[in-house]
N, C-alpha and C. Protein backbone atom coordinates (compact mmCIF):
# COMPACT_ATOMS: atom_id res chain seq x y z
N MET A 1 -19.64 2.74 49.17
CA MET A 1 -18.42 2.85 48.04
C MET A 1 -18.73 1.72 46.99
N LYS A 2 -18.64 2.09 45.60
CA LYS A 2 -18.39 0.61 44.82
C LYS A 2 -17.21 0.18 44.98
N PRO A 3 -17.11 -1.31 44.82
CA PRO A 3 -16.06 -2.02 44.97
C PRO A 3 -15.06 -1.67 43.36
N LYS A 4 -14.03 -1.51 43.50
CA LYS A 4 -13.25 -1.33 42.31
C LYS A 4 -13.01 -2.36 41.33
N ARG A 5 -13.45 -2.29 40.26
CA ARG A 5 -13.39 -3.66 39.17
C ARG A 5 -11.98 -4.23 39.18
N PRO A 6 -11.58 -5.32 38.81
CA PRO A 6 -10.37 -5.82 39.05
C PRO A 6 -9.49 -5.13 37.71
N LEU A 7 -8.45 -5.18 38.04
CA LEU A 7 -7.48 -4.57 37.17
C LEU A 7 -7.58 -5.05 35.58
N TRP A 8 -7.47 -6.13 35.54
CA TRP A 8 -7.59 -6.85 34.30
C TRP A 8 -8.98 -6.42 33.35
N LEU A 9 -10.09 -6.22 33.91
CA LEU A 9 -11.21 -6.04 33.53
C LEU A 9 -11.09 -4.48 33.21
N ARG A 10 -10.36 -3.95 33.99
CA ARG A 10 -10.40 -2.25 33.62
C ARG A 10 -9.30 -2.31 32.02
N ALA A 11 -8.42 -3.19 32.26
CA ALA A 11 -7.50 -2.94 31.16
C ALA A 11 -8.03 -3.51 29.64
N VAL A 12 -9.06 -4.43 30.09
CA VAL A 12 -10.00 -4.89 28.77
C VAL A 12 -10.81 -3.69 28.30
N ARG A 13 -11.17 -3.16 29.29
CA ARG A 13 -12.33 -2.02 28.83
C ARG A 13 -11.44 -0.82 27.74
N VAL A 14 -10.31 -0.55 28.84
CA VAL A 14 -9.52 0.52 27.85
C VAL A 14 -9.44 -0.02 26.60
N ILE A 15 -8.94 -1.12 26.36
CA ILE A 15 -8.42 -1.50 25.11
C ILE A 15 -9.44 -1.82 24.41
N PHE A 16 -10.56 -2.11 24.60
CA PHE A 16 -12.06 -2.01 23.98
C PHE A 16 -12.32 -0.92 23.34
N ILE A 17 -12.38 -0.03 24.40
CA ILE A 17 -12.60 1.48 23.84
C ILE A 17 -11.53 2.20 22.89
N ALA A 18 -10.36 1.63 23.08
CA ALA A 18 -9.29 2.28 22.01
C ALA A 18 -9.63 1.45 20.78
N HIS A 19 -10.06 0.47 20.80
CA HIS A 19 -10.34 -0.38 19.26
C HIS A 19 -11.45 0.52 18.66
N LEU A 20 -12.50 1.03 19.50
CA LEU A 20 -13.83 1.36 19.06
C LEU A 20 -13.27 2.92 18.44
N TRP A 21 -12.73 3.59 19.19
CA TRP A 21 -12.13 4.87 18.44
C TRP A 21 -11.21 4.65 17.42
N PHE A 22 -10.34 3.57 17.24
CA PHE A 22 -9.40 3.44 15.88
C PHE A 22 -10.73 2.91 14.82
N TRP A 23 -11.26 1.84 15.13
CA TRP A 23 -12.22 1.66 13.80
C TRP A 23 -13.12 2.79 13.43
N GLY A 24 -13.61 3.85 14.52
CA GLY A 24 -14.42 4.69 13.86
C GLY A 24 -13.88 5.78 13.30
N ILE A 25 -12.36 6.07 13.58
CA ILE A 25 -11.43 6.87 12.81
C ILE A 25 -11.32 6.34 11.30
N ILE A 26 -10.93 5.13 11.55
CA ILE A 26 -10.58 4.60 9.99
C ILE A 26 -11.90 4.36 9.11
N ALA A 27 -13.05 4.06 9.83
CA ALA A 27 -14.23 4.06 8.82
C ALA A 27 -14.66 5.41 8.27
N GLY A 28 -14.43 6.51 9.07
CA GLY A 28 -14.75 7.74 8.95
C GLY A 28 -13.88 8.19 7.73
N LEU A 29 -12.65 8.25 7.92
CA LEU A 29 -11.77 8.52 6.91
C LEU A 29 -11.80 7.66 5.63
N SER A 30 -12.07 6.49 5.69
CA SER A 30 -12.35 5.66 4.48
C SER A 30 -13.63 6.11 3.79
N LEU A 31 -14.55 6.27 4.63
CA LEU A 31 -15.87 7.12 3.75
C LEU A 31 -15.57 8.30 3.02
N LEU A 32 -14.75 9.05 3.85
CA LEU A 32 -14.36 10.35 3.21
C LEU A 32 -13.40 10.49 2.11
N TYR A 33 -12.33 9.15 2.01
CA TYR A 33 -11.50 9.10 1.02
C TYR A 33 -12.21 8.49 -0.14
N SER A 34 -13.23 7.92 0.22
CA SER A 34 -14.25 7.42 -1.00
C SER A 34 -14.48 8.52 -2.09
N PHE A 35 -14.53 9.75 -1.87
CA PHE A 35 -14.80 11.17 -2.53
C PHE A 35 -14.10 12.02 -2.47
N VAL A 36 -12.92 12.07 -1.64
CA VAL A 36 -12.32 13.02 -1.34
C VAL A 36 -10.71 12.43 -1.31
N ASN A 37 -9.71 13.51 -1.85
CA ASN A 37 -8.37 12.81 -2.03
C ASN A 37 -7.73 13.57 -0.94
N PRO A 38 -7.03 12.50 -0.04
CA PRO A 38 -6.17 13.26 1.28
C PRO A 38 -5.02 14.21 0.57
N PRO A 39 -4.71 15.27 1.28
CA PRO A 39 -3.45 15.93 0.79
C PRO A 39 -2.17 15.11 1.18
N LEU A 40 -2.22 14.51 2.19
CA LEU A 40 -1.13 13.94 2.76
C LEU A 40 -1.73 12.61 3.44
N THR A 41 -0.36 11.79 3.56
CA THR A 41 -0.58 10.38 4.24
C THR A 41 0.55 10.33 5.55
N PRO A 42 0.10 9.50 6.31
CA PRO A 42 1.28 9.22 7.28
C PRO A 42 2.32 8.86 6.73
N LEU A 43 2.37 7.87 5.61
CA LEU A 43 3.82 7.64 5.02
C LEU A 43 4.41 8.74 4.64
N MET A 44 3.66 9.77 3.88
CA MET A 44 4.66 11.03 3.67
C MET A 44 4.92 11.72 4.59
N LEU A 45 4.35 11.79 5.80
CA LEU A 45 4.97 12.33 7.10
C LEU A 45 6.09 11.58 7.41
N GLN A 46 6.09 10.27 7.68
CA GLN A 46 7.03 9.68 8.10
C GLN A 46 8.23 9.54 7.07
N ARG A 47 8.12 9.49 5.97
CA ARG A 47 9.45 9.94 5.13
C ARG A 47 9.83 11.22 5.35
N TYR A 48 9.10 12.10 5.30
CA TYR A 48 9.63 13.58 5.58
C TYR A 48 10.24 14.06 6.77
N LEU A 49 9.39 13.68 7.66
CA LEU A 49 9.89 14.12 9.05
C LEU A 49 11.11 13.10 9.57
N LEU A 50 11.30 11.68 9.48
CA LEU A 50 12.32 10.93 9.84
C LEU A 50 13.36 10.70 8.97
N ARG A 51 13.19 10.86 7.68
CA ARG A 51 14.11 10.50 6.62
C ARG A 51 14.52 11.67 5.85
N GLY A 52 13.76 12.81 5.98
CA GLY A 52 14.13 14.10 5.20
C GLY A 52 13.71 14.06 3.60
N TYR A 53 12.90 13.18 3.16
CA TYR A 53 12.80 12.98 1.70
C TYR A 53 11.80 14.33 1.48
N PRO A 54 12.13 14.82 0.31
CA PRO A 54 11.39 15.80 -0.11
C PRO A 54 9.73 15.57 -0.51
N LEU A 55 8.91 16.38 -0.51
CA LEU A 55 7.70 16.28 -0.90
C LEU A 55 7.68 16.82 -2.47
N HIS A 56 7.72 15.91 -3.36
CA HIS A 56 7.58 16.51 -4.94
C HIS A 56 6.05 16.92 -5.02
N HIS A 57 6.13 17.85 -5.92
CA HIS A 57 4.72 18.37 -6.44
C HIS A 57 3.93 17.05 -6.75
N ARG A 58 2.90 16.96 -6.45
CA ARG A 58 1.96 15.64 -6.75
C ARG A 58 0.72 16.11 -7.90
N ASP A 59 0.76 15.10 -8.70
CA ASP A 59 -0.03 15.11 -9.84
C ASP A 59 -1.11 14.19 -9.73
N TYR A 60 -2.37 14.27 -9.49
CA TYR A 60 -3.42 13.14 -9.45
C TYR A 60 -3.94 12.94 -10.53
N ILE A 61 -4.32 11.73 -10.98
CA ILE A 61 -4.66 11.10 -12.10
C ILE A 61 -6.06 10.07 -11.74
N THR A 62 -7.04 10.22 -12.36
CA THR A 62 -8.17 9.31 -12.39
C THR A 62 -8.12 7.93 -12.77
N LEU A 63 -8.75 6.89 -12.48
CA LEU A 63 -8.36 5.54 -12.79
C LEU A 63 -8.82 5.66 -14.12
N GLU A 64 -9.71 6.22 -14.75
CA GLU A 64 -10.14 6.17 -16.09
C GLU A 64 -8.85 6.37 -16.97
N LYS A 65 -8.21 7.39 -16.55
CA LYS A 65 -7.17 7.70 -17.38
C LYS A 65 -5.74 7.13 -17.18
N ILE A 66 -5.78 6.10 -16.21
CA ILE A 66 -4.61 5.11 -16.43
C ILE A 66 -4.78 3.89 -17.40
N PRO A 67 -4.00 3.80 -18.25
CA PRO A 67 -4.00 2.87 -19.15
C PRO A 67 -4.55 1.67 -18.62
N LYS A 68 -5.52 0.96 -19.40
CA LYS A 68 -6.07 -0.56 -18.63
C LYS A 68 -4.79 -1.38 -18.88
N ARG A 69 -3.84 -1.33 -19.71
CA ARG A 69 -2.81 -2.25 -19.74
C ARG A 69 -1.70 -2.11 -18.34
N THR A 70 -1.74 -0.75 -17.91
CA THR A 70 -0.93 -0.41 -16.96
C THR A 70 -1.61 -1.12 -15.52
N GLN A 71 -2.86 -1.06 -15.59
CA GLN A 71 -3.90 -1.34 -14.55
C GLN A 71 -3.76 -2.89 -14.18
N ASN A 72 -3.84 -3.67 -15.54
CA ASN A 72 -3.58 -5.16 -15.53
C ASN A 72 -2.28 -5.80 -15.11
N MET A 73 -1.21 -4.76 -15.65
CA MET A 73 0.18 -5.13 -15.08
C MET A 73 0.16 -5.16 -13.56
N LEU A 74 -0.24 -4.01 -13.15
CA LEU A 74 -0.05 -3.84 -11.60
C LEU A 74 -0.71 -4.89 -10.76
N ILE A 75 -2.11 -5.26 -11.28
CA ILE A 75 -2.87 -6.30 -10.76
C ILE A 75 -2.22 -7.55 -10.73
N ALA A 76 -1.68 -8.07 -11.72
CA ALA A 76 -1.13 -9.29 -11.93
C ALA A 76 0.22 -9.55 -11.34
N ILE A 77 1.09 -8.43 -11.35
CA ILE A 77 2.15 -8.57 -10.53
C ILE A 77 1.89 -8.56 -8.85
N GLU A 78 1.19 -7.59 -8.29
CA GLU A 78 0.88 -7.44 -7.10
C GLU A 78 -0.08 -8.09 -6.23
N ASP A 79 -1.26 -8.43 -7.04
CA ASP A 79 -2.28 -9.12 -6.54
C ASP A 79 -3.23 -9.76 -7.71
N GLY A 80 -3.17 -10.61 -7.95
CA GLY A 80 -3.71 -11.25 -9.24
C GLY A 80 -5.38 -11.33 -8.87
N ASN A 81 -5.86 -11.77 -7.58
CA ASN A 81 -7.01 -11.85 -7.17
C ASN A 81 -7.85 -10.57 -6.38
N PHE A 82 -7.27 -9.49 -6.77
CA PHE A 82 -7.74 -8.17 -6.21
C PHE A 82 -9.07 -7.90 -6.13
N TYR A 83 -9.61 -8.15 -7.33
CA TYR A 83 -11.15 -7.93 -7.51
C TYR A 83 -12.01 -9.09 -7.14
N LYS A 84 -11.24 -10.19 -6.65
CA LYS A 84 -12.02 -11.23 -6.06
C LYS A 84 -12.04 -11.53 -4.50
N HIS A 85 -11.14 -11.34 -4.10
CA HIS A 85 -10.87 -11.54 -2.44
C HIS A 85 -11.40 -10.17 -1.62
N PHE A 86 -11.61 -10.44 -0.41
CA PHE A 86 -11.93 -9.41 0.44
C PHE A 86 -10.78 -9.11 1.45
N GLY A 87 -9.70 -8.45 0.57
CA GLY A 87 -8.79 -8.08 1.44
C GLY A 87 -7.34 -8.84 1.70
N PHE A 88 -7.66 -10.23 1.55
CA PHE A 88 -6.49 -11.10 2.13
C PHE A 88 -6.50 -12.37 1.20
N GLU A 89 -5.34 -12.97 1.21
CA GLU A 89 -4.98 -14.18 0.67
C GLU A 89 -4.52 -15.03 1.48
N TRP A 90 -5.45 -15.80 2.37
CA TRP A 90 -4.89 -16.55 3.62
C TRP A 90 -4.08 -17.53 3.29
N SER A 91 -3.82 -18.24 1.92
CA SER A 91 -3.01 -19.22 2.07
C SER A 91 -1.70 -18.46 1.95
N MET A 92 -1.44 -17.41 1.32
CA MET A 92 -0.03 -16.50 1.30
C MET A 92 0.16 -16.31 2.53
N VAL A 93 -0.54 -15.47 3.55
CA VAL A 93 -0.45 -15.30 4.92
C VAL A 93 -0.09 -16.28 5.78
N ARG A 94 -0.49 -17.43 5.55
CA ARG A 94 -0.10 -18.71 6.41
C ARG A 94 1.26 -18.95 6.11
N GLU A 95 2.00 -18.98 4.59
CA GLU A 95 2.97 -19.35 4.41
C GLU A 95 4.00 -18.24 4.65
N ALA A 96 3.61 -16.86 4.77
CA ALA A 96 4.68 -15.99 5.24
C ALA A 96 4.87 -16.17 6.65
N TYR A 97 3.79 -16.33 7.40
CA TYR A 97 3.96 -16.44 8.85
C TYR A 97 5.04 -17.52 9.21
N GLU A 98 4.87 -18.72 8.50
CA GLU A 98 5.56 -20.01 8.71
C GLU A 98 7.36 -19.39 8.24
N ARG A 99 7.30 -18.73 7.20
CA ARG A 99 8.63 -18.55 6.85
C ARG A 99 9.22 -17.15 8.09
N ASN A 100 8.38 -16.56 8.26
CA ASN A 100 9.04 -15.39 9.30
C ASN A 100 9.38 -16.20 10.82
N GLN A 101 8.47 -17.07 10.95
CA GLN A 101 8.80 -17.97 12.22
C GLN A 101 10.23 -18.54 12.11
N LYS A 102 10.51 -19.31 10.97
CA LYS A 102 11.73 -19.80 10.84
C LYS A 102 12.57 -18.90 10.81
N ALA A 103 12.74 -17.51 10.25
CA ALA A 103 13.65 -16.51 10.27
C ALA A 103 13.98 -16.06 11.36
N GLY A 104 12.88 -15.82 12.40
CA GLY A 104 13.02 -15.40 13.77
C GLY A 104 12.40 -13.85 13.70
N LYS A 105 12.30 -13.34 12.46
CA LYS A 105 11.76 -11.98 12.56
C LYS A 105 10.93 -11.94 11.15
N ILE A 106 10.57 -10.63 11.10
CA ILE A 106 9.55 -10.58 9.93
C ILE A 106 10.36 -10.17 8.77
N ARG A 107 10.45 -11.03 7.83
CA ARG A 107 11.33 -10.75 6.56
C ARG A 107 10.17 -10.84 5.42
N PHE A 108 9.54 -11.63 5.37
CA PHE A 108 8.58 -11.98 4.17
C PHE A 108 7.20 -11.80 4.53
N GLY A 109 6.53 -10.64 3.35
CA GLY A 109 5.25 -10.54 3.55
C GLY A 109 4.44 -11.37 2.62
N ALA A 110 2.90 -10.89 2.84
CA ALA A 110 1.87 -11.60 1.88
C ALA A 110 0.73 -10.69 1.74
N SER A 111 1.40 -9.40 1.35
CA SER A 111 0.36 -7.96 1.35
C SER A 111 -0.40 -8.13 -0.20
N THR A 112 -1.58 -7.89 0.05
CA THR A 112 -2.50 -7.70 -1.17
C THR A 112 -2.21 -6.26 -1.37
N LEU A 113 -2.94 -5.89 -2.40
CA LEU A 113 -3.01 -4.51 -2.88
C LEU A 113 -3.92 -3.87 -1.94
N SER A 114 -4.70 -4.19 -1.07
CA SER A 114 -5.58 -3.85 -0.09
C SER A 114 -4.63 -3.37 1.18
N ASN A 115 -3.80 -4.25 1.18
CA ASN A 115 -3.15 -4.38 2.72
C ASN A 115 -2.06 -3.16 2.38
N GLN A 116 -1.34 -3.25 1.19
CA GLN A 116 -0.74 -1.83 0.95
C GLN A 116 -1.13 -0.68 1.15
N LEU A 117 -2.29 -0.69 0.30
CA LEU A 117 -3.04 0.74 0.55
C LEU A 117 -3.47 0.89 2.08
N ALA A 118 -3.66 0.27 2.86
CA ALA A 118 -4.11 0.33 4.11
C ALA A 118 -2.95 0.84 4.93
N ARG A 119 -1.57 0.50 4.94
CA ARG A 119 -0.66 1.00 5.45
C ARG A 119 -0.05 2.50 4.76
N THR A 120 -0.54 2.48 3.55
CA THR A 120 -0.07 3.49 2.81
C THR A 120 -0.88 4.76 3.38
N MET A 121 -2.18 4.48 3.46
CA MET A 121 -2.94 5.66 3.49
C MET A 121 -3.24 5.95 5.10
N PHE A 122 -2.96 4.91 6.28
CA PHE A 122 -3.51 5.32 7.44
C PHE A 122 -2.17 4.78 8.30
N LEU A 123 -1.25 3.86 8.01
CA LEU A 123 -0.25 3.28 9.01
C LEU A 123 1.09 3.80 8.45
N THR A 124 1.97 3.05 8.80
CA THR A 124 3.37 3.36 8.50
C THR A 124 4.14 1.96 7.77
N THR A 125 5.19 2.13 7.32
CA THR A 125 5.79 0.91 7.04
C THR A 125 6.70 0.18 7.64
N ASP A 126 6.80 0.53 8.96
CA ASP A 126 7.40 -0.34 9.95
C ASP A 126 7.07 -1.82 9.98
N ARG A 127 7.89 -2.56 10.04
CA ARG A 127 7.57 -4.01 10.10
C ARG A 127 7.44 -4.60 11.55
N ASN A 128 6.36 -4.66 12.04
CA ASN A 128 6.20 -5.40 13.47
C ASN A 128 4.79 -5.99 13.48
N TYR A 129 4.56 -6.75 14.39
CA TYR A 129 3.26 -7.70 14.51
C TYR A 129 2.22 -6.47 15.07
N LEU A 130 2.53 -5.31 15.79
CA LEU A 130 1.35 -4.52 15.96
C LEU A 130 1.06 -3.62 14.81
N ARG A 131 1.83 -3.15 13.93
CA ARG A 131 1.43 -2.71 12.52
C ARG A 131 0.64 -3.58 12.02
N LYS A 132 0.93 -4.82 11.47
CA LYS A 132 0.13 -5.93 11.01
C LYS A 132 -1.24 -6.03 11.56
N TYR A 133 -1.21 -6.08 12.87
CA TYR A 133 -2.54 -6.51 13.47
C TYR A 133 -3.48 -5.09 13.23
N LEU A 134 -2.94 -4.03 13.22
CA LEU A 134 -3.63 -2.94 12.96
C LEU A 134 -4.07 -2.84 11.27
N GLU A 135 -3.09 -3.35 10.47
CA GLU A 135 -3.20 -3.12 8.81
C GLU A 135 -4.39 -4.31 8.72
N ILE A 136 -4.72 -5.55 9.56
CA ILE A 136 -5.62 -6.39 8.98
C ILE A 136 -7.20 -5.63 9.39
N GLN A 137 -7.09 -4.99 10.53
CA GLN A 137 -8.46 -4.32 10.89
C GLN A 137 -8.63 -3.10 9.89
N THR A 138 -7.84 -2.31 9.70
CA THR A 138 -7.97 -1.15 8.41
C THR A 138 -8.22 -1.98 7.21
N THR A 139 -7.67 -2.96 6.64
CA THR A 139 -7.91 -3.29 5.32
C THR A 139 -9.36 -3.70 5.38
N VAL A 140 -10.04 -4.65 6.61
CA VAL A 140 -11.51 -5.03 6.53
C VAL A 140 -12.34 -3.63 6.49
N ILE A 141 -11.89 -2.82 7.25
CA ILE A 141 -12.81 -1.21 7.22
C ILE A 141 -12.66 -0.90 5.87
N MET A 142 -11.90 -0.73 5.29
CA MET A 142 -11.64 -0.18 3.85
C MET A 142 -12.36 -0.80 3.06
N GLU A 143 -12.38 -2.44 2.95
CA GLU A 143 -13.17 -3.31 2.28
C GLU A 143 -14.41 -3.03 1.97
N ILE A 144 -15.09 -2.57 3.48
CA ILE A 144 -16.51 -2.49 3.50
C ILE A 144 -16.78 -1.05 2.92
N CYS A 145 -16.01 -0.12 3.34
CA CYS A 145 -16.34 1.37 3.15
C CYS A 145 -15.84 1.89 1.62
N MET A 146 -14.93 1.14 0.82
CA MET A 146 -14.76 1.47 -0.44
C MET A 146 -15.12 0.55 -1.59
N THR A 147 -15.16 0.94 -2.65
CA THR A 147 -15.07 0.18 -3.82
C THR A 147 -13.81 -0.28 -4.09
N LYS A 148 -13.59 -1.43 -4.96
CA LYS A 148 -12.32 -1.64 -5.33
C LYS A 148 -11.71 -0.91 -6.26
N LYS A 149 -12.57 -0.32 -7.09
CA LYS A 149 -12.15 0.76 -8.21
C LYS A 149 -11.27 2.03 -7.56
N ARG A 150 -12.24 2.31 -6.51
CA ARG A 150 -11.53 3.63 -5.53
C ARG A 150 -10.26 3.31 -5.16
N MET A 151 -10.32 1.99 -4.60
CA MET A 151 -8.98 1.42 -3.85
C MET A 151 -7.97 1.45 -4.73
N LEU A 152 -8.10 1.01 -5.97
CA LEU A 152 -7.14 1.07 -7.03
C LEU A 152 -6.59 2.18 -7.53
N GLU A 153 -7.57 3.39 -7.35
CA GLU A 153 -7.19 4.72 -7.96
C GLU A 153 -6.37 5.22 -7.00
N LEU A 154 -6.87 5.02 -5.40
CA LEU A 154 -5.87 5.57 -4.58
C LEU A 154 -4.64 5.16 -4.30
N TYR A 155 -4.45 3.54 -4.49
CA TYR A 155 -3.26 2.94 -4.74
C TYR A 155 -2.31 3.65 -5.79
N PHE A 156 -2.95 3.70 -6.84
CA PHE A 156 -2.13 4.53 -8.03
C PHE A 156 -1.38 5.88 -7.58
N ASN A 157 -2.12 6.42 -6.96
CA ASN A 157 -1.97 7.95 -6.59
C ASN A 157 -1.24 8.00 -5.50
N TYR A 158 -1.08 7.20 -4.30
CA TYR A 158 -0.42 7.49 -3.23
C TYR A 158 0.78 6.45 -2.79
N VAL A 159 0.80 5.36 -3.69
CA VAL A 159 2.03 4.47 -3.39
C VAL A 159 3.24 5.16 -3.61
N GLU A 160 4.35 4.57 -2.97
CA GLU A 160 5.53 5.36 -2.87
C GLU A 160 6.42 4.86 -4.31
N TRP A 161 7.01 5.60 -4.96
CA TRP A 161 7.82 5.21 -6.37
C TRP A 161 8.86 6.06 -6.14
N GLY A 162 9.70 6.51 -5.11
CA GLY A 162 10.91 6.79 -4.93
C GLY A 162 10.81 7.76 -3.80
N LYS A 163 12.15 8.36 -3.46
CA LYS A 163 12.10 9.50 -2.44
C LYS A 163 11.31 10.71 -2.50
N GLY A 164 10.07 10.70 -2.03
CA GLY A 164 9.29 11.87 -1.95
C GLY A 164 8.40 11.69 -3.38
N ILE A 165 8.55 10.69 -4.02
CA ILE A 165 7.58 10.81 -4.93
C ILE A 165 6.47 9.54 -4.93
N TYR A 166 5.07 10.29 -4.87
CA TYR A 166 4.14 9.34 -4.54
C TYR A 166 3.06 9.61 -5.87
N GLY A 167 2.62 8.45 -6.30
CA GLY A 167 1.63 8.43 -7.41
C GLY A 167 2.51 8.12 -8.66
N ILE A 168 1.54 7.44 -9.47
CA ILE A 168 2.41 7.31 -11.04
C ILE A 168 2.33 8.07 -11.75
N GLU A 169 1.20 9.20 -11.56
CA GLU A 169 1.53 10.49 -12.38
C GLU A 169 2.59 11.23 -12.02
N THR A 170 2.88 11.30 -11.04
CA THR A 170 4.19 11.98 -10.28
C THR A 170 5.26 11.41 -10.77
N ALA A 171 5.42 10.01 -10.65
CA ALA A 171 6.58 9.23 -11.12
C ALA A 171 6.68 9.46 -12.51
N SER A 172 5.71 9.28 -13.43
CA SER A 172 5.79 9.35 -14.84
C SER A 172 6.57 10.60 -15.29
N GLN A 173 6.20 11.92 -14.69
CA GLN A 173 6.73 12.91 -15.22
C GLN A 173 8.32 13.04 -14.44
N TYR A 174 8.45 12.55 -13.27
CA TYR A 174 9.64 12.74 -12.47
C TYR A 174 10.60 11.83 -13.46
N TYR A 175 10.49 10.75 -13.81
CA TYR A 175 11.28 9.84 -14.51
C TYR A 175 11.45 9.71 -15.99
N TYR A 176 10.14 10.26 -16.47
CA TYR A 176 10.19 10.12 -17.73
C TYR A 176 9.71 11.56 -18.53
N GLY A 177 9.25 12.22 -17.88
CA GLY A 177 9.02 13.52 -18.52
C GLY A 177 7.79 13.61 -19.41
N THR A 178 6.79 12.65 -19.06
CA THR A 178 5.53 12.43 -19.58
C THR A 178 4.43 11.86 -18.74
N ARG A 179 3.37 12.07 -19.31
CA ARG A 179 2.16 11.51 -18.73
C ARG A 179 2.10 10.27 -18.44
N CYS A 180 1.45 9.96 -17.66
CA CYS A 180 1.12 8.18 -17.35
C CYS A 180 0.44 7.47 -18.57
N SER A 181 -0.58 8.46 -19.06
CA SER A 181 -1.39 7.63 -20.16
C SER A 181 -0.49 7.75 -21.41
N ARG A 182 0.70 8.36 -21.45
CA ARG A 182 1.51 8.28 -22.67
C ARG A 182 2.73 7.17 -22.20
N LEU A 183 2.92 6.75 -21.30
CA LEU A 183 4.16 5.70 -20.73
C LEU A 183 4.15 4.49 -22.12
N SER A 184 5.27 4.30 -22.48
CA SER A 184 5.18 3.19 -23.30
C SER A 184 5.08 1.81 -22.46
N ARG A 185 4.89 0.84 -23.22
CA ARG A 185 4.97 -0.38 -22.62
C ARG A 185 5.95 -0.85 -21.67
N ASP A 186 7.04 -0.64 -22.04
CA ASP A 186 8.47 -0.93 -21.74
C ASP A 186 8.51 0.12 -20.38
N GLN A 187 8.45 1.45 -20.34
CA GLN A 187 8.56 2.33 -19.39
C GLN A 187 7.30 1.78 -18.09
N SER A 188 6.16 1.44 -18.71
CA SER A 188 5.18 1.10 -17.67
C SER A 188 5.63 -0.25 -16.99
N MET A 189 6.33 -1.33 -17.66
CA MET A 189 6.92 -2.56 -17.03
C MET A 189 7.96 -2.04 -15.84
N LYS A 190 8.56 -1.11 -16.38
CA LYS A 190 10.16 -0.93 -15.39
C LYS A 190 9.22 -0.03 -14.23
N MET A 191 8.43 0.82 -14.45
CA MET A 191 7.86 1.76 -13.30
C MET A 191 7.17 0.55 -12.09
N ILE A 192 6.38 -0.32 -12.64
CA ILE A 192 5.97 -1.29 -11.82
C ILE A 192 6.83 -2.29 -11.04
N SER A 193 7.88 -2.66 -11.99
CA SER A 193 8.93 -3.64 -11.65
C SER A 193 9.39 -3.13 -10.23
N ILE A 194 9.58 -1.85 -10.04
CA ILE A 194 10.22 -1.28 -8.74
C ILE A 194 9.43 -1.16 -7.43
N LEU A 195 8.33 -1.31 -7.65
CA LEU A 195 7.53 -1.19 -6.53
C LEU A 195 7.88 -2.03 -5.10
N THR A 196 8.52 -3.02 -5.34
CA THR A 196 9.11 -3.78 -4.21
C THR A 196 10.04 -2.89 -3.29
N ASN A 197 10.89 -2.01 -4.23
CA ASN A 197 11.89 -1.41 -3.35
C ASN A 197 12.00 0.26 -4.04
N PRO A 198 11.27 1.24 -4.27
CA PRO A 198 11.22 2.18 -4.81
C PRO A 198 12.43 3.31 -4.12
N ILE A 199 12.72 3.11 -3.03
CA ILE A 199 13.50 3.71 -2.33
C ILE A 199 15.10 3.74 -3.07
N LYS A 200 15.48 2.31 -2.98
CA LYS A 200 16.54 1.89 -3.57
C LYS A 200 16.69 1.88 -4.86
N TYR A 201 15.83 1.46 -5.52
CA TYR A 201 15.95 1.38 -7.03
C TYR A 201 15.16 2.25 -8.18
N SER A 202 15.31 2.65 -9.08
CA SER A 202 14.53 3.45 -9.99
C SER A 202 14.14 2.62 -11.18
N PRO A 203 13.40 2.97 -12.19
CA PRO A 203 13.00 2.71 -13.54
C PRO A 203 14.49 2.22 -14.17
N GLN A 204 15.24 3.32 -14.26
CA GLN A 204 16.62 3.25 -14.83
C GLN A 204 17.57 2.33 -14.19
N THR A 205 17.42 1.76 -13.00
CA THR A 205 18.28 0.65 -12.39
C THR A 205 17.46 -0.58 -11.80
N TYR A 206 16.31 -0.74 -12.46
CA TYR A 206 15.86 -1.78 -12.03
C TYR A 206 16.54 -3.15 -11.99
N TYR A 207 17.35 -3.33 -13.00
CA TYR A 207 18.04 -4.66 -13.37
C TYR A 207 19.03 -4.88 -12.08
N ASN A 208 19.18 -4.16 -11.26
CA ASN A 208 20.36 -4.04 -10.04
C ASN A 208 19.42 -5.11 -9.24
N SER A 209 18.22 -5.09 -9.12
CA SER A 209 17.18 -5.78 -8.13
C SER A 209 16.79 -7.22 -8.72
N PRO A 210 17.03 -8.22 -8.25
CA PRO A 210 16.60 -9.52 -8.76
C PRO A 210 15.33 -9.52 -8.67
N SER A 211 14.38 -9.23 -7.60
CA SER A 211 12.97 -9.32 -7.63
C SER A 211 12.32 -8.41 -8.70
N ALA A 212 13.00 -7.20 -8.77
CA ALA A 212 12.64 -6.29 -9.96
C ALA A 212 12.66 -6.81 -11.28
N ARG A 213 13.69 -7.25 -11.47
CA ARG A 213 14.17 -8.04 -12.75
C ARG A 213 13.02 -9.10 -12.94
N GLN A 214 13.00 -10.20 -12.05
CA GLN A 214 12.04 -11.08 -12.15
C GLN A 214 10.36 -10.45 -12.64
N ARG A 215 9.91 -9.53 -12.10
CA ARG A 215 8.81 -8.97 -11.81
C ARG A 215 8.51 -8.56 -13.40
N TYR A 216 9.76 -7.99 -13.69
CA TYR A 216 9.79 -7.16 -15.13
C TYR A 216 9.73 -8.37 -16.48
N ASN A 217 10.62 -9.30 -16.21
CA ASN A 217 10.30 -10.59 -17.16
C ASN A 217 9.22 -11.09 -17.30
N LEU A 218 8.48 -11.22 -16.04
CA LEU A 218 7.06 -11.79 -16.11
C LEU A 218 5.95 -10.78 -16.76
N MET A 219 6.18 -9.64 -16.67
CA MET A 219 5.37 -8.51 -17.50
C MET A 219 5.63 -8.60 -18.99
N GLN A 220 7.12 -8.95 -19.32
CA GLN A 220 7.44 -8.77 -20.73
C GLN A 220 6.84 -10.02 -21.18
N ARG A 221 6.64 -11.37 -20.50
CA ARG A 221 6.14 -12.47 -21.10
C ARG A 221 4.68 -12.41 -21.47
N TYR A 222 4.07 -11.97 -20.32
CA TYR A 222 2.70 -11.80 -20.55
C TYR A 222 1.82 -10.83 -20.90
N PHE A 223 2.69 -9.36 -21.20
CA PHE A 223 2.09 -8.26 -21.51
C PHE A 223 2.79 -7.77 -22.87
C-alpha cells in the first residue's frame, strides 16, 4: 500500500488544480469574448438576484460608433495609461494598499480599466482580498487574450450605469432618449462622471457626489 501524501501536499495539489481550472475557464471565455458578445455577466446576475435590479433592454454599440471624444474622456478620467500598461499601475496599487492598511479595511482602489472589466465580466463587485486576488489573475489572462480596443469596447458595453442599466448605449437611451453617438459634450461628461457610483447617482444628480463633481470639472477643463 502506498503511503498517503502529507495533508499539506494534498492541499497544495488541490489548490493548484483549482487554479488551472480557473485559468482555463477565464482564458477560454476571454478568447470567446474577443469575438462574441456575452448575453449576461456575473455582475448582472448578482444585481438581479441579490438586489432585485431589473435588467433593462440592452443596446450594443461597436467602439467605432462611440465618439472619439467620449472614448478619450473615459480613458483620461479612469485610466490615462490604458493603452500603455499591461493591466496594472503598480504605484497606484502600492499607494491604495498602504491606505487600506491604515484604514483597516478595503476602502481605496487602484483599478485600471482592465481591472474594472475583469470584475465586470467574470467576477463580482464585492470588496475583499480574495476577489482582488482573482481579479489580478483574470486581468493578466484578459490582457494576453484580448486586444486593448476589444477590452475598451466591452467596457463601454457592460459597465454599470445605473440600477439594471449596462452599457453606454443603453444608458444614453435611458437618461437622454438619444443614441450615444448623439450625446452632447456636456451629456458625455455627466455620464462618465457618475461611473464611480452609478447606483447612487445619475447624470441629473452627479453634482451631489464630490468625486463625480471633481471628475466633471476635470473633463470640463480639458475637453
